[in-house]
């Protein structure tokens, strides 16, 4: 076994929450609002149902091969060659997601905070932090996530409470003007990004000291994360209005800039930036961990640490090649990426489950034991 560290159930739950929210803390409201308009809050609430369906499917898969990661399970259940092809597909996916998360952090930092800092410098520093995190091990990642989660929740609570005086209910009217079809389209997009990417969970579950009802706790935290994203979407619509929400690259950052209580409590956007960096960084760490661990398992390496440096170089290169700028990948790559997330988070796990069931029930294969 390449990974000797173990996660507590509580740490797994925290990492699932951070991965679900992740970069969507900033991007989710604009992604959904650009499609559903003022009905985006309805689409956001409906995405919780889609997220529950996806996570239940993934939890069932996690129970099928509880002692094996997703890469190991694919090879064992699907067979050597089909399993290898699917494994490479997922490793490319983990790599690409990690790269675009690094790129998102870099673009945010260089456009909103450190405007004169070269993008390459920010990427280099982020990747150094990711390498430091994975080198410390899975247990350290889990423990540090427990420390950072309260800071994130405090920042979100401060944002929501401070914006109450600026809420305008007329921004949500007329309800249902865009029609049911548009609401459903927004629901599909809102389901794909935060929940479709949770297939990375299957790379963590074999290394968890599972407590009774651990699956129920994961399910509840996914619902909580979906509720939080729905809340941020509703607050963005209520305060900024539909146009500013739909066309802002970072609507939550814009919301923080609008806070002004008594000309004293204001300009807390730095706190929102920290909250965004916390969730996105941990999500990037988890995907990089999955990429390096899965690669080591696919090629049957004895030590995965030799993959950290070349893996970091691959992420660094792809983060630059990924897109010309933030606007391009946020407005052009959203729809194609949505189908990739849904394929990896829902379709392929369903096919995996069907193959496992057929081999076990009809062919009674000993290879599955």
Protein backbone atom coordinates (compact mmCIF):
# COMPACT_ATOMS: atom_id res chain seq x y z
CA UNK A 1 0.00 0.00 0.00
CA UNK A 2 1.50 3.32 -1.09
CA UNK A 3 -0.39 5.38 1.50
CA UNK A 4 0.18 4.52 5.17
CA UNK A 5 -1.55 7.55 6.67
CA UNK A 6 -5.10 7.35 7.94
CA UNK A 7 -7.89 9.90 8.11
CA UNK A 8 -10.43 10.12 10.89
CA UNK A 9 -14.05 10.12 9.74
CA UNK A 10 -14.38 13.73 10.88
CA UNK A 11 -11.39 14.73 8.75
CA UNK A 12 -12.85 13.00 5.71
CA UNK A 13 -16.10 14.89 6.24
CA UNK A 14 -14.25 18.21 6.45
CA UNK A 15 -12.27 17.49 3.27
CA UNK A 16 -15.45 16.52 1.42
CA UNK A 17 -17.01 19.82 2.48
CA UNK A 18 -14.00 21.85 1.37
CA UNK A 19 -13.82 20.00 -1.95
CA UNK A 20 -17.53 20.53 -2.59
CA UNK A 21 -17.38 24.25 -1.87
CA UNK A 22 -13.85 24.77 -3.21
CA UNK A 23 -13.56 27.31 -6.03
CA UNK A 24 -17.35 27.29 -6.36
CA UNK A 25 -17.50 29.65 -3.38
CA UNK A 26 -16.62 32.42 -5.82
CA UNK A 27 -17.77 31.05 -9.16
CA UNK A 28 -21.01 29.19 -8.39
CA UNK A 29 -23.40 32.20 -8.22
CA UNK A 30 -22.32 33.57 -11.60
CA UNK A 31 -22.32 30.14 -13.26
CA UNK A 32 -25.91 29.41 -12.24
CA UNK A 33 -27.22 32.98 -12.58
CA UNK A 34 -25.88 33.34 -16.11
CA UNK A 35 -28.32 30.59 -17.13
CA UNK A 36 -31.27 30.76 -14.72
CA UNK A 37 -31.16 34.53 -14.21
CA UNK A 38 -33.27 35.64 -11.20
CA UNK A 39 -34.41 32.03 -10.71
CA UNK A 40 -30.85 30.96 -9.95
CA UNK A 41 -31.74 30.51 -6.27
CA UNK A 42 -34.34 27.89 -7.30
CA UNK A 43 -31.79 26.07 -9.46
CA UNK A 44 -29.29 26.21 -6.60
CA UNK A 45 -31.74 24.55 -4.23
CA UNK A 46 -32.56 21.85 -6.78
CA UNK A 47 -28.87 21.06 -7.22
CA UNK A 48 -28.84 19.71 -3.67
CA UNK A 49 -31.08 16.87 -4.87
CA UNK A 50 -28.69 16.14 -7.74
CA UNK A 51 -25.75 16.24 -5.35
CA UNK A 52 -27.44 13.75 -3.03
CA UNK A 53 -28.00 11.33 -5.93
CA UNK A 54 -24.36 11.59 -7.02
CA UNK A 55 -22.88 11.18 -3.54
CA UNK A 56 -25.12 8.20 -2.73
CA UNK A 57 -23.88 6.49 -5.89
CA UNK A 58 -20.26 7.25 -4.96
CA UNK A 59 -20.75 5.97 -1.41
CA UNK A 60 -22.14 2.71 -2.76
CA UNK A 61 -19.05 2.38 -4.97
CA UNK A 62 -16.84 3.11 -1.95
CA UNK A 63 -18.45 0.20 -0.07
CA UNK A 64 -17.97 -2.23 -2.98
CA UNK A 65 -14.17 -2.18 -2.73
CA UNK A 66 -13.70 -0.56 0.66
CA UNK A 67 -9.99 -1.39 0.95
CA UNK A 68 -9.03 -0.20 -2.55
CA UNK A 69 -8.80 3.21 -4.15
CA UNK A 70 -10.77 4.11 -7.27
CA UNK A 71 -7.80 3.34 -9.54
CA UNK A 72 -7.24 -0.08 -7.96
CA UNK A 73 -10.96 -0.87 -8.06
CA UNK A 74 -11.28 0.01 -11.74
CA UNK A 75 -8.49 -2.38 -12.71
CA UNK A 76 -9.82 -5.19 -10.53
CA UNK A 77 -13.50 -4.92 -11.46
CA UNK A 78 -13.35 -3.80 -15.10
CA UNK A 79 -10.38 -5.95 -16.06
CA UNK A 80 -6.76 -5.14 -16.80
CA UNK A 81 -7.05 -3.28 -20.10
CA UNK A 82 -10.43 -1.55 -19.73
CA UNK A 83 -9.56 -0.71 -16.14
CA UNK A 84 -6.19 0.72 -17.17
CA UNK A 85 -7.83 2.93 -19.81
CA UNK A 86 -10.41 4.24 -17.31
CA UNK A 87 -7.67 4.76 -14.73
CA UNK A 88 -5.60 6.86 -17.13
CA UNK A 89 -8.75 8.82 -17.99
CA UNK A 90 -9.28 9.65 -14.31
CA UNK A 91 -5.64 10.47 -13.70
CA UNK A 92 -5.78 12.98 -16.55
CA UNK A 93 -8.93 14.36 -14.99
CA UNK A 94 -7.35 14.76 -11.54
CA UNK A 95 -4.35 16.46 -13.13
CA UNK A 96 -6.49 18.86 -15.16
CA UNK A 97 -8.71 19.80 -12.22
CA UNK A 98 -5.68 20.50 -10.05
CA UNK A 99 -4.17 22.63 -12.83
CA UNK A 100 -7.27 24.74 -13.34
CA UNK A 101 -7.62 25.25 -9.57
CA UNK A 102 -4.06 26.55 -9.46
CA UNK A 103 -4.86 28.77 -12.44
CA UNK A 104 -8.01 30.10 -10.75
CA UNK A 105 -6.09 31.00 -7.61
CA UNK A 106 -3.39 32.66 -9.70
CA UNK A 107 -5.85 34.70 -11.77
CA UNK A 108 -7.76 35.78 -8.66
CA UNK A 109 -4.62 36.87 -6.85
CA UNK A 110 -3.13 38.76 -9.80
CA UNK A 111 -6.37 40.51 -10.82
CA UNK A 112 -7.81 41.42 -7.41
CA UNK A 113 -4.96 41.61 -4.87
CA UNK A 114 -1.40 41.46 -6.25
CA UNK A 115 -1.97 43.17 -9.57
CA UNK A 116 1.71 43.74 -10.35
CA UNK A 117 2.87 40.23 -9.39
CA UNK A 118 3.62 37.94 -12.35
CA UNK A 119 1.19 35.04 -12.70
CA UNK A 120 4.04 32.52 -12.90
CA UNK A 121 5.35 33.59 -9.49
CA UNK A 122 1.96 33.05 -7.87
CA UNK A 123 1.60 29.63 -9.53
CA UNK A 124 5.07 28.64 -8.37
CA UNK A 125 4.32 29.57 -4.76
CA UNK A 126 0.97 27.75 -4.80
CA UNK A 127 2.53 24.57 -6.15
CA UNK A 128 5.26 24.76 -3.52
CA UNK A 129 2.54 24.85 -0.86
CA UNK A 130 0.75 21.91 -2.47
CA UNK A 131 3.97 19.87 -2.55
CA UNK A 132 4.63 20.77 1.08
CA UNK A 133 1.14 19.62 2.02
CA UNK A 134 1.25 16.25 0.26
CA UNK A 135 4.78 15.63 1.54
CA UNK A 136 3.47 16.09 5.09
CA UNK A 137 1.06 13.23 4.47
CA UNK A 138 -2.62 12.50 4.43
CA UNK A 139 -3.04 12.77 8.19
CA UNK A 140 -1.51 16.25 8.24
CA UNK A 141 -3.79 17.35 5.41
CA UNK A 142 -6.80 16.12 7.35
CA UNK A 143 -5.77 17.78 10.61
CA UNK A 144 -4.97 21.12 8.99
CA UNK A 145 -8.35 21.10 7.22
CA UNK A 146 -10.04 20.81 10.64
CA UNK A 147 -8.18 23.91 11.78
CA UNK A 148 -9.04 25.97 8.70
CA UNK A 149 -12.73 25.07 8.42
CA UNK A 150 -13.90 27.25 11.37
CA UNK A 151 -12.07 30.23 9.87
CA UNK A 152 -13.90 29.74 6.59
CA UNK A 153 -17.30 29.36 8.27
CA UNK A 154 -16.69 32.47 10.38
CA UNK A 155 -15.87 34.48 7.25
CA UNK A 156 -19.05 33.30 5.50
CA UNK A 157 -21.18 34.05 8.57
CA UNK A 158 -19.70 37.55 8.80
CA UNK A 159 -20.41 38.17 5.11
CA UNK A 160 -24.04 37.01 5.24
CA UNK A 161 -24.92 38.88 8.46
CA UNK A 162 -23.23 42.09 7.31
CA UNK A 163 -25.17 42.12 4.04
CA UNK A 164 -28.65 41.82 5.56
CA UNK A 165 -29.27 45.61 5.46
CA UNK A 166 -28.58 45.65 1.69
CA UNK A 167 -31.02 42.90 0.70
CA UNK A 168 -33.60 43.84 -1.95
CA UNK A 169 -36.30 41.22 -2.47
CA UNK A 170 -37.43 42.73 -5.77
CA UNK A 171 -34.24 41.37 -7.36
CA UNK A 172 -35.84 37.91 -7.32
CA UNK A 173 -38.92 38.99 -9.26
CA UNK A 174 -40.58 37.92 -11.46
CA UNK A 175 -40.22 34.34 -10.24
CA UNK A 176 -40.29 31.71 -12.98
CA UNK A 177 -40.15 34.21 -15.84
CA UNK A 178 -37.44 32.22 -17.65
CA UNK A 179 -39.48 29.01 -17.60
CA UNK A 180 -38.90 25.53 -16.23
CA UNK A 181 -36.44 24.59 -18.99
CA UNK A 182 -34.03 27.35 -18.01
CA UNK A 183 -34.27 26.43 -14.33
CA UNK A 184 -33.43 22.81 -15.18
CA UNK A 185 -30.45 23.88 -17.29
CA UNK A 186 -29.15 25.92 -14.38
CA UNK A 187 -29.71 22.95 -12.08
CA UNK A 188 -27.65 20.66 -14.31
CA UNK A 189 -24.76 23.14 -14.43
CA UNK A 190 -24.99 23.73 -10.68
CA UNK A 191 -24.96 19.98 -10.02
CA UNK A 192 -22.03 19.18 -12.31
CA UNK A 193 -19.36 21.43 -10.88
CA UNK A 194 -19.48 21.12 -7.10
CA UNK A 195 -20.85 17.57 -6.95
CA UNK A 196 -19.64 15.92 -10.15
CA UNK A 197 -16.05 16.42 -9.04
CA UNK A 198 -16.56 14.40 -5.86
CA UNK A 199 -15.34 11.26 -7.63
CA UNK A 200 -11.99 12.18 -6.04
CA UNK A 201 -13.60 11.03 -2.77
CA UNK A 202 -13.04 7.44 -3.93
CA UNK A 203 -9.29 8.00 -3.70
CA UNK A 204 -9.58 8.85 0.02
CA UNK A 205 -12.09 6.37 1.44
CA UNK A 206 -9.71 3.36 1.65
CA UNK A 207 -7.50 5.34 4.03
CA UNK A 208 -10.20 6.35 6.52
CA UNK A 209 -10.70 4.91 9.98
CA UNK A 210 -14.40 4.54 9.32
CA UNK A 211 -16.78 5.04 12.20
CA UNK A 212 -20.36 3.70 12.20
CA UNK A 213 -22.63 5.84 10.03
CA UNK A 214 -19.64 7.50 8.32
CA UNK A 215 -21.49 7.43 5.00
CA UNK A 216 -24.42 9.25 6.57
CA UNK A 217 -22.07 11.96 7.84
CA UNK A 218 -20.58 12.40 4.36
CA UNK A 219 -24.06 12.65 2.87
CA UNK A 220 -25.11 15.27 5.42
CA UNK A 221 -22.01 17.38 4.85
CA UNK A 222 -22.62 17.35 1.09
CA UNK A 223 -26.15 18.61 1.76
CA UNK A 224 -24.69 21.30 4.03
CA UNK A 225 -22.22 22.34 1.33
CA UNK A 226 -25.01 22.53 -1.24
CA UNK A 227 -27.08 24.63 1.17
CA UNK A 228 -24.16 27.00 1.66
CA UNK A 229 -23.74 27.42 -2.10
CA UNK A 230 -27.49 28.06 -2.42
CA UNK A 231 -27.25 30.69 0.32
CA UNK A 232 -24.35 32.49 -1.36
CA UNK A 233 -26.24 32.46 -4.67
CA UNK A 234 -29.36 33.91 -3.05
CA UNK A 235 -27.35 36.61 -1.23
CA UNK A 236 -25.59 37.58 -4.43
CA UNK A 237 -28.91 37.96 -6.26
CA UNK A 238 -30.55 39.84 -3.39
CA UNK A 239 -27.71 42.32 -2.99
CA UNK A 240 -26.07 42.68 -6.40
CA UNK A 241 -29.01 41.90 -8.65
CA UNK A 242 -29.10 39.52 -11.58
CA UNK A 243 -26.84 41.35 -14.05
CA UNK A 244 -23.97 42.01 -11.68
CA UNK A 245 -24.17 38.47 -10.32
CA UNK A 246 -24.26 36.84 -13.77
CA UNK A 247 -21.44 38.87 -15.27
CA UNK A 248 -19.08 39.22 -12.31
CA UNK A 249 -16.13 36.87 -12.36
CA UNK A 250 -15.90 36.91 -8.55
CA UNK A 251 -19.34 37.92 -7.20
CA UNK A 252 -18.58 37.00 -3.58
CA UNK A 253 -15.56 39.30 -3.62
CA UNK A 254 -17.75 42.08 -5.00
CA UNK A 255 -20.28 41.41 -2.24
CA UNK A 256 -17.57 41.84 0.40
CA UNK A 257 -16.62 45.19 -1.10
CA UNK A 258 -20.17 46.46 -0.59
CA UNK A 259 -20.19 45.91 3.17
CA UNK A 260 -20.25 49.20 5.06
CA UNK A 261 -21.75 49.34 8.55
CA UNK A 262 -21.57 52.80 10.11
CA UNK A 263 -18.55 53.75 8.00
CA UNK A 264 -16.58 51.62 10.43
CA UNK A 265 -16.97 47.95 9.51
CA UNK A 266 -16.08 47.86 5.83
CA UNK A 267 -13.56 46.67 3.23
CA UNK A 268 -13.47 43.07 4.45
CA UNK A 269 -12.86 41.63 0.99
CA UNK A 270 -9.45 40.41 2.20
CA UNK A 271 -11.31 38.07 4.56
CA UNK A 272 -13.38 36.74 1.64
CA UNK A 273 -10.20 36.26 -0.35
CA UNK A 274 -8.73 34.18 2.47
CA UNK A 275 -11.93 32.11 2.69
CA UNK A 276 -11.81 31.45 -1.05
CA UNK A 277 -8.12 30.53 -0.93
CA UNK A 278 -8.70 28.10 1.95
CA UNK A 279 -11.34 26.05 0.14
CA UNK A 280 -9.69 26.16 -3.28
CA UNK A 281 -6.26 25.29 -1.91
CA UNK A 282 -7.47 22.21 -0.03
CA UNK A 283 -9.40 21.08 -3.08
CA UNK A 284 -6.25 21.43 -5.20
CA UNK A 285 -4.25 19.47 -2.60
CA UNK A 286 -6.77 16.62 -2.63
CA UNK A 287 -6.77 16.40 -6.42
CA UNK A 288 -2.97 16.51 -6.57
CA UNK A 289 -2.82 13.79 -3.91
CA UNK A 290 -5.26 11.68 -5.95
CA UNK A 291 -3.21 12.25 -9.12
CA UNK A 292 0.11 11.20 -7.60
CA UNK A 293 -1.29 8.32 -5.54
CA UNK A 294 -3.27 6.95 -8.49
CA UNK A 295 -0.27 7.20 -10.80
CA UNK A 296 1.85 5.29 -8.31
CA UNK A 297 -0.82 2.60 -7.98
CA UNK A 298 -1.30 2.29 -11.74
CA UNK A 299 2.42 1.75 -12.36
CA UNK A 300 2.85 -0.25 -9.14
CA UNK A 301 5.51 1.99 -7.67
CA UNK A 302 6.79 1.32 -4.17
CA UNK A 303 7.06 5.00 -3.24
CA UNK A 304 4.80 7.77 -4.48
CA UNK A 305 7.00 10.62 -3.26
CA UNK A 306 9.17 10.38 -6.35
CA UNK A 307 6.12 11.60 -8.28
CA UNK A 308 5.64 14.82 -6.32
CA UNK A 309 8.20 16.97 -8.15
CA UNK A 310 7.38 15.83 -11.71
CA UNK A 311 3.67 16.00 -10.82
CA UNK A 312 4.12 19.57 -9.61
CA UNK A 313 5.94 20.46 -12.83
CA UNK A 314 3.10 19.01 -14.91
CA UNK A 315 0.53 21.02 -12.95
CA UNK A 316 2.64 24.17 -13.28
CA UNK A 317 2.87 23.76 -17.06
CA UNK A 318 -0.82 22.92 -17.56
CA UNK A 319 -1.95 25.83 -15.37
CA UNK A 320 -0.31 28.18 -17.88
CA UNK A 321 -1.41 26.32 -21.01
CA UNK A 322 -4.93 25.88 -19.70
CA UNK A 323 -6.30 29.20 -20.92
CA UNK A 324 -5.41 32.68 -22.05
CA UNK A 325 -7.22 34.36 -19.15
CA UNK A 326 -9.86 33.81 -16.49
CA UNK A 327 -12.73 35.17 -18.58
CA UNK A 328 -12.05 32.66 -21.36
CA UNK A 329 -12.28 29.52 -19.28
CA UNK A 330 -15.12 30.84 -17.13
CA UNK A 331 -17.29 31.78 -20.11
CA UNK A 332 -16.11 29.33 -22.79
CA UNK A 333 -15.10 26.10 -21.05
CA UNK A 334 -17.99 25.90 -18.58
CA UNK A 335 -20.34 23.79 -20.69
CA UNK A 336 -17.77 21.24 -22.03
CA UNK A 337 -16.29 20.87 -18.55
CA UNK A 338 -19.75 20.29 -17.11
CA UNK A 339 -20.18 17.14 -19.23
CA UNK A 340 -16.73 15.91 -18.20
CA UNK A 341 -17.60 16.32 -14.52
CA UNK A 342 -20.94 14.56 -14.93
CA UNK A 343 -19.30 11.72 -16.86
CA UNK A 344 -16.65 11.16 -14.20
CA UNK A 345 -18.87 11.79 -11.20
CA UNK A 346 -22.04 9.98 -12.26
CA UNK A 347 -21.92 8.05 -15.54
CA UNK A 348 -18.69 6.05 -15.15
CA UNK A 349 -19.37 5.12 -11.50
CA UNK A 350 -22.81 3.85 -12.57
CA UNK A 351 -21.20 1.74 -15.31
CA UNK A 352 -18.66 0.47 -12.78
CA UNK A 353 -21.45 -0.54 -10.39
CA UNK A 354 -23.37 -2.28 -13.17
CA UNK A 355 -20.29 -4.29 -14.24
CA UNK A 356 -19.57 -5.26 -10.65
CA UNK A 357 -23.16 -6.42 -10.11
CA UNK A 358 -23.23 -8.41 -13.36
CA UNK A 359 -19.92 -10.14 -12.63
CA UNK A 360 -20.91 -10.93 -9.07
CA UNK A 361 -24.52 -12.06 -9.63
CA UNK A 362 -24.34 -13.70 -13.06
CA UNK A 363 -20.77 -14.87 -13.41
CA UNK A 364 -19.92 -15.16 -9.71
CA UNK A 365 -16.38 -14.01 -10.42
CA UNK A 366 -13.78 -14.88 -7.77
CA UNK A 367 -11.62 -11.98 -8.97
CA UNK A 368 -13.91 -9.54 -7.15
CA UNK A 369 -13.14 -10.96 -3.72
